[in-house]
Amino acid sequence: MDITPQEKSMIKAFRETGLPPLFVLIRVRNDIANDIENVEESQRDVIVKTLEKYIGPLWEDHQEAKTNLT
């Protein structure tokens, strides 16, 4: 998959702000899921499912860490 200049700029901006990786993955997943103009539906579904596969374990770890802090 090729990365467009716009995508490179977005990735750079996320890195510079120091946002947590989980937040970035969720944000990217939501943006792709809602992008009906630039991403074909079949491609969109594959990308979203792939991202969700990575987000799931990270979300569980995040929730567990949050629970252990209280």
N, C-alpha and C. Protein backbone atom coordinates (compact mmCIF):
# COMPACT_ATOMS: atom_id res chain seq x y z
N MET A 1 0.85 -1.17 0.00
CA MET A 1 0.00 0.00 0.00
C MET A 1 0.89 1.23 0.00
N ASP A 2 0.63 2.13 -0.91
CA ASP A 2 1.40 3.37 -1.00
C ASP A 2 0.84 4.41 -0.04
N ILE A 3 1.73 5.20 0.53
CA ILE A 3 1.33 6.28 1.43
C ILE A 3 1.41 7.58 0.65
N THR A 4 0.30 8.32 0.65
CA THR A 4 0.24 9.58 -0.07
C THR A 4 0.94 10.68 0.73
N PRO A 5 1.30 11.78 0.08
CA PRO A 5 1.90 12.91 0.81
C PRO A 5 0.99 13.41 1.95
N GLN A 6 -0.32 13.39 1.71
CA GLN A 6 -1.26 13.82 2.75
C GLN A 6 -1.19 12.89 3.95
N GLU A 7 -1.12 11.58 3.70
CA GLU A 7 -1.02 10.62 4.78
C GLU A 7 0.29 10.77 5.54
N LYS A 8 1.38 11.03 4.81
CA LYS A 8 2.67 11.25 5.47
C LYS A 8 2.60 12.45 6.39
N SER A 9 1.94 13.52 5.94
CA SER A 9 1.79 14.72 6.77
C SER A 9 0.98 14.42 8.02
N MET A 10 -0.09 13.63 7.86
CA MET A 10 -0.93 13.28 9.00
C MET A 10 -0.13 12.45 10.01
N ILE A 11 0.62 11.47 9.54
CA ILE A 11 1.43 10.64 10.43
C ILE A 11 2.46 11.50 11.17
N LYS A 12 3.09 12.40 10.45
CA LYS A 12 4.08 13.29 11.08
C LYS A 12 3.43 14.16 12.15
N ALA A 13 2.24 14.68 11.86
CA ALA A 13 1.54 15.52 12.83
C ALA A 13 1.19 14.73 14.08
N PHE A 14 0.72 13.48 13.91
CA PHE A 14 0.40 12.64 15.07
C PHE A 14 1.64 12.40 15.92
N ARG A 15 2.77 12.13 15.27
CA ARG A 15 4.02 11.88 16.01
C ARG A 15 4.47 13.12 16.77
N GLU A 16 4.37 14.27 16.13
CA GLU A 16 4.84 15.51 16.76
C GLU A 16 4.00 15.90 17.96
N THR A 17 2.72 15.56 17.96
CA THR A 17 1.88 15.92 19.10
C THR A 17 2.07 14.97 20.27
N GLY A 18 2.72 13.84 20.02
CA GLY A 18 2.97 12.90 21.10
C GLY A 18 1.72 12.19 21.58
N LEU A 19 0.74 12.03 20.70
CA LEU A 19 -0.49 11.35 21.08
C LEU A 19 -0.23 9.86 21.33
N PRO A 20 -0.96 9.26 22.26
CA PRO A 20 -0.79 7.83 22.52
C PRO A 20 -1.13 7.01 21.27
N PRO A 21 -0.39 5.95 21.00
CA PRO A 21 -0.64 5.13 19.81
C PRO A 21 -2.08 4.61 19.73
N LEU A 22 -2.67 4.25 20.87
CA LEU A 22 -4.04 3.76 20.86
C LEU A 22 -4.99 4.83 20.32
N PHE A 23 -4.83 6.06 20.78
CA PHE A 23 -5.66 7.16 20.30
C PHE A 23 -5.51 7.34 18.80
N VAL A 24 -4.28 7.28 18.33
CA VAL A 24 -4.00 7.47 16.90
C VAL A 24 -4.66 6.37 16.08
N LEU A 25 -4.53 5.11 16.53
CA LEU A 25 -5.14 4.00 15.80
C LEU A 25 -6.66 4.14 15.74
N ILE A 26 -7.26 4.52 16.85
CA ILE A 26 -8.72 4.69 16.88
C ILE A 26 -9.13 5.84 15.96
N ARG A 27 -8.39 6.91 16.00
CA ARG A 27 -8.70 8.07 15.14
C ARG A 27 -8.58 7.71 13.66
N VAL A 28 -7.51 7.01 13.30
CA VAL A 28 -7.32 6.61 11.91
C VAL A 28 -8.42 5.65 11.48
N ARG A 29 -8.75 4.70 12.35
CA ARG A 29 -9.82 3.74 12.04
C ARG A 29 -11.13 4.47 11.78
N ASN A 30 -11.48 5.43 12.63
CA ASN A 30 -12.73 6.17 12.46
C ASN A 30 -12.71 7.01 11.18
N ASP A 31 -11.58 7.64 10.90
CA ASP A 31 -11.48 8.45 9.68
C ASP A 31 -11.66 7.59 8.43
N ILE A 32 -11.04 6.43 8.42
CA ILE A 32 -11.16 5.55 7.26
C ILE A 32 -12.58 4.99 7.15
N ALA A 33 -13.14 4.60 8.27
CA ALA A 33 -14.50 4.03 8.27
C ALA A 33 -15.52 5.03 7.72
N ASN A 34 -15.27 6.31 7.94
CA ASN A 34 -16.22 7.35 7.51
C ASN A 34 -15.86 8.00 6.18
N ASP A 35 -14.77 7.59 5.57
CA ASP A 35 -14.31 8.19 4.31
C ASP A 35 -14.96 7.48 3.12
N ILE A 36 -16.09 8.01 2.67
CA ILE A 36 -16.78 7.39 1.55
C ILE A 36 -16.36 7.97 0.20
N GLU A 37 -15.56 9.01 0.23
CA GLU A 37 -15.12 9.64 -1.02
C GLU A 37 -13.81 9.08 -1.54
N ASN A 38 -12.86 8.81 -0.66
CA ASN A 38 -11.50 8.46 -1.08
C ASN A 38 -11.17 6.98 -1.00
N VAL A 39 -11.95 6.22 -0.24
CA VAL A 39 -11.64 4.81 -0.04
C VAL A 39 -12.84 3.97 -0.47
N GLU A 40 -12.58 3.01 -1.37
CA GLU A 40 -13.66 2.13 -1.83
C GLU A 40 -14.18 1.31 -0.66
N GLU A 41 -15.47 0.96 -0.71
CA GLU A 41 -16.11 0.27 0.41
C GLU A 41 -15.41 -1.05 0.74
N SER A 42 -15.09 -1.85 -0.25
CA SER A 42 -14.45 -3.14 0.02
C SER A 42 -13.08 -2.94 0.66
N GLN A 43 -12.35 -1.96 0.19
CA GLN A 43 -11.03 -1.65 0.74
C GLN A 43 -11.18 -1.10 2.16
N ARG A 44 -12.18 -0.26 2.35
CA ARG A 44 -12.43 0.35 3.65
C ARG A 44 -12.70 -0.72 4.70
N ASP A 45 -13.54 -1.70 4.36
CA ASP A 45 -13.87 -2.77 5.31
C ASP A 45 -12.64 -3.56 5.72
N VAL A 46 -11.78 -3.88 4.76
CA VAL A 46 -10.57 -4.64 5.06
C VAL A 46 -9.65 -3.85 5.98
N ILE A 47 -9.47 -2.57 5.68
CA ILE A 47 -8.59 -1.72 6.49
C ILE A 47 -9.13 -1.58 7.91
N VAL A 48 -10.43 -1.33 8.02
CA VAL A 48 -11.05 -1.15 9.34
C VAL A 48 -10.92 -2.43 10.17
N LYS A 49 -11.19 -3.59 9.56
CA LYS A 49 -11.08 -4.85 10.29
C LYS A 49 -9.64 -5.11 10.73
N THR A 50 -8.68 -4.78 9.88
CA THR A 50 -7.27 -4.95 10.24
C THR A 50 -6.91 -4.05 11.41
N LEU A 51 -7.33 -2.79 11.36
CA LEU A 51 -7.03 -1.87 12.46
C LEU A 51 -7.69 -2.34 13.75
N GLU A 52 -8.91 -2.84 13.66
CA GLU A 52 -9.60 -3.31 14.86
C GLU A 52 -8.88 -4.50 15.49
N LYS A 53 -8.24 -5.31 14.64
CA LYS A 53 -7.48 -6.45 15.15
C LYS A 53 -6.32 -5.96 16.02
N TYR A 54 -5.72 -4.83 15.66
CA TYR A 54 -4.62 -4.27 16.44
C TYR A 54 -5.12 -3.45 17.62
N ILE A 55 -6.25 -2.78 17.45
CA ILE A 55 -6.78 -1.92 18.51
C ILE A 55 -7.30 -2.75 19.68
N GLY A 56 -7.96 -3.88 19.41
CA GLY A 56 -8.58 -4.70 20.45
C GLY A 56 -7.65 -5.01 21.62
N PRO A 57 -6.50 -5.65 21.37
CA PRO A 57 -5.59 -5.97 22.48
C PRO A 57 -5.04 -4.72 23.18
N LEU A 58 -4.77 -3.67 22.41
CA LEU A 58 -4.27 -2.43 23.03
C LEU A 58 -5.33 -1.82 23.94
N TRP A 59 -6.59 -1.88 23.50
CA TRP A 59 -7.68 -1.34 24.31
C TRP A 59 -7.82 -2.14 25.60
N GLU A 60 -7.74 -3.47 25.50
CA GLU A 60 -7.83 -4.31 26.69
C GLU A 60 -6.69 -4.00 27.67
N ASP A 61 -5.47 -3.85 27.15
CA ASP A 61 -4.33 -3.49 28.00
C ASP A 61 -4.55 -2.15 28.68
N HIS A 62 -5.08 -1.19 27.91
CA HIS A 62 -5.34 0.16 28.43
C HIS A 62 -6.36 0.09 29.57
N GLN A 63 -7.45 -0.68 29.36
CA GLN A 63 -8.48 -0.79 30.39
C GLN A 63 -7.95 -1.49 31.63
N GLU A 64 -7.12 -2.51 31.41
CA GLU A 64 -6.52 -3.23 32.55
C GLU A 64 -5.60 -2.32 33.36
N ALA A 65 -4.79 -1.55 32.66
CA ALA A 65 -3.87 -0.62 33.33
C ALA A 65 -4.66 0.43 34.11
N LYS A 66 -5.75 0.90 33.51
CA LYS A 66 -6.60 1.89 34.18
C LYS A 66 -7.22 1.31 35.46
N THR A 67 -7.64 0.06 35.38
CA THR A 67 -8.25 -0.61 36.54
C THR A 67 -7.22 -0.81 37.64
N ASN A 68 -6.00 -1.15 37.26
CA ASN A 68 -4.95 -1.39 38.26
C ASN A 68 -4.51 -0.11 38.97
N LEU A 69 -4.74 1.04 38.36
CA LEU A 69 -4.37 2.30 38.98
C LEU A 69 -5.34 2.70 40.09
N THR A 70 -6.56 2.22 40.03
CA THR A 70 -7.55 2.60 41.04
C THR A 70 -7.59 1.67 42.19
